[in-house]
Amino acid sequence: MIGIFNKTEITVHLAQEYLDFPMVSRSLARRILSNIDKFKVVFLDFANIETIGQGFADEIFRVFKNKHPEISVIPLNTNEEIDFMIKRATNTKF
């Protein structure tokens, strides 16, 4: 039964509330992504998040993706500001 639990969703605003800090730094991105290497698909739900920092976006959408190309990181419920930071990190469009 390998692969049954291969997806997860991270609710970013809950992480932000728990960490009590805006999602701007690489270190916060690494904390959010800790232990997700067990999954193949990771949904990042950005509902109720107004903005993310360039380092945060770069760590998730470029650095992590380059280290783990077998894992899909899919952003959900983004706004224009978050989309801009993700595009800037990946140089792609969603």
Protein backbone atom coordinates (compact mmCIF):
# COMPACT_ATOMS: atom_id res chain seq x y z
CA MET A 1 0.00 0.00 0.00
CA ILE A 2 2.85 2.36 -0.73
CA GLY A 3 1.85 5.77 -2.05
CA ILE A 4 -1.62 6.03 -0.52
CA PHE A 5 -0.64 9.04 1.58
CA ASN A 6 1.52 10.87 -0.93
CA LYS A 7 -0.16 14.32 -0.74
CA THR A 8 -0.31 16.92 1.99
CA GLU A 9 -1.58 20.46 2.42
CA ILE A 10 0.11 23.14 4.46
CA THR A 11 -2.07 26.01 5.59
CA VAL A 12 0.43 28.86 5.58
CA HIS A 13 -1.61 31.24 7.76
CA LEU A 14 -1.67 28.64 10.56
CA ALA A 15 2.11 28.35 10.34
CA GLN A 16 2.37 32.14 10.40
CA GLU A 17 0.15 32.34 13.49
CA TYR A 18 2.09 29.56 15.23
CA LEU A 19 5.49 31.05 14.42
CA ASP A 20 4.18 34.58 15.10
CA PHE A 21 6.17 36.04 12.25
CA PRO A 22 5.40 37.10 8.66
CA MET A 23 6.46 34.65 5.95
CA VAL A 24 9.49 36.53 4.67
CA SER A 25 12.67 34.57 5.38
CA ARG A 26 14.36 31.48 4.02
CA SER A 27 14.56 29.98 7.51
CA LEU A 28 10.77 30.18 7.90
CA ALA A 29 10.34 28.54 4.50
CA ARG A 30 12.64 25.71 5.57
CA ARG A 31 10.65 25.26 8.81
CA ILE A 32 7.39 25.03 6.87
CA LEU A 33 8.92 22.51 4.47
CA SER A 34 10.50 20.32 7.13
CA ASN A 35 9.51 16.66 6.78
CA ILE A 36 7.59 17.10 3.52
CA ASP A 37 10.11 14.96 1.66
CA LYS A 38 7.84 12.01 2.52
CA PHE A 39 5.23 13.31 0.06
CA LYS A 40 5.06 13.60 -3.73
CA VAL A 41 2.58 16.49 -3.86
CA VAL A 42 2.49 19.40 -1.42
CA PHE A 43 -0.25 22.02 -1.58
CA LEU A 44 0.63 25.35 0.05
CA ASP A 45 -2.57 27.19 0.91
CA PHE A 46 -1.92 30.94 1.04
CA ALA A 47 -5.48 31.91 2.06
CA ASN A 48 -5.41 34.86 4.49
CA ILE A 49 -1.76 35.63 3.67
CA GLU A 50 -1.23 39.06 2.14
CA THR A 51 2.41 38.79 1.11
CA ILE A 52 5.52 36.66 1.29
CA GLY A 53 9.14 37.68 1.14
CA GLN A 54 11.48 37.13 -1.79
CA GLY A 55 13.72 34.82 0.25
CA PHE A 56 10.71 32.79 1.41
CA ALA A 57 9.46 32.34 -2.17
CA ASP A 58 12.93 31.58 -3.52
CA GLU A 59 13.62 28.94 -0.86
CA ILE A 60 10.38 27.09 -1.59
CA PHE A 61 9.85 27.51 -5.32
CA ARG A 62 13.44 27.45 -6.59
CA VAL A 63 15.89 26.06 -4.01
CA PHE A 64 13.64 23.31 -2.60
CA LYS A 65 12.34 22.42 -6.06
CA ASN A 66 15.89 22.07 -7.41
CA LYS A 67 16.85 19.82 -4.47
CA HIS A 68 13.64 17.76 -4.73
CA PRO A 69 12.44 17.70 -8.36
CA GLU A 70 10.31 14.64 -7.60
CA ILE A 71 8.08 16.68 -5.26
CA SER A 72 5.42 18.99 -6.70
CA VAL A 73 4.80 22.12 -4.65
CA ILE A 74 1.50 23.68 -5.70
CA PRO A 75 0.43 27.10 -4.40
CA LEU A 76 -3.28 27.62 -3.66
CA ASN A 77 -5.32 30.75 -2.91
CA THR A 78 -2.59 33.19 -3.88
CA ASN A 79 -3.06 36.89 -4.58
CA GLU A 80 -1.22 39.19 -7.01
CA GLU A 81 1.61 39.96 -4.57
CA ILE A 82 2.26 36.31 -3.78
CA ASP A 83 2.02 35.38 -7.47
CA PHE A 84 4.59 38.09 -8.24
CA MET A 85 7.05 36.71 -5.67
CA ILE A 86 6.58 33.14 -6.90
CA LYS A 87 7.05 34.20 -10.53
CA ARG A 88 10.12 36.14 -9.55
CA ALA A 89 11.59 33.07 -7.83
CA THR A 90 10.74 30.65 -10.63
CA ASN A 91 10.74 32.90 -13.66
CA THR A 92 7.52 31.17 -14.76
CA LYS A 93 3.80 31.88 -14.86
CA PHE A 94 1.00 30.01 -13.12
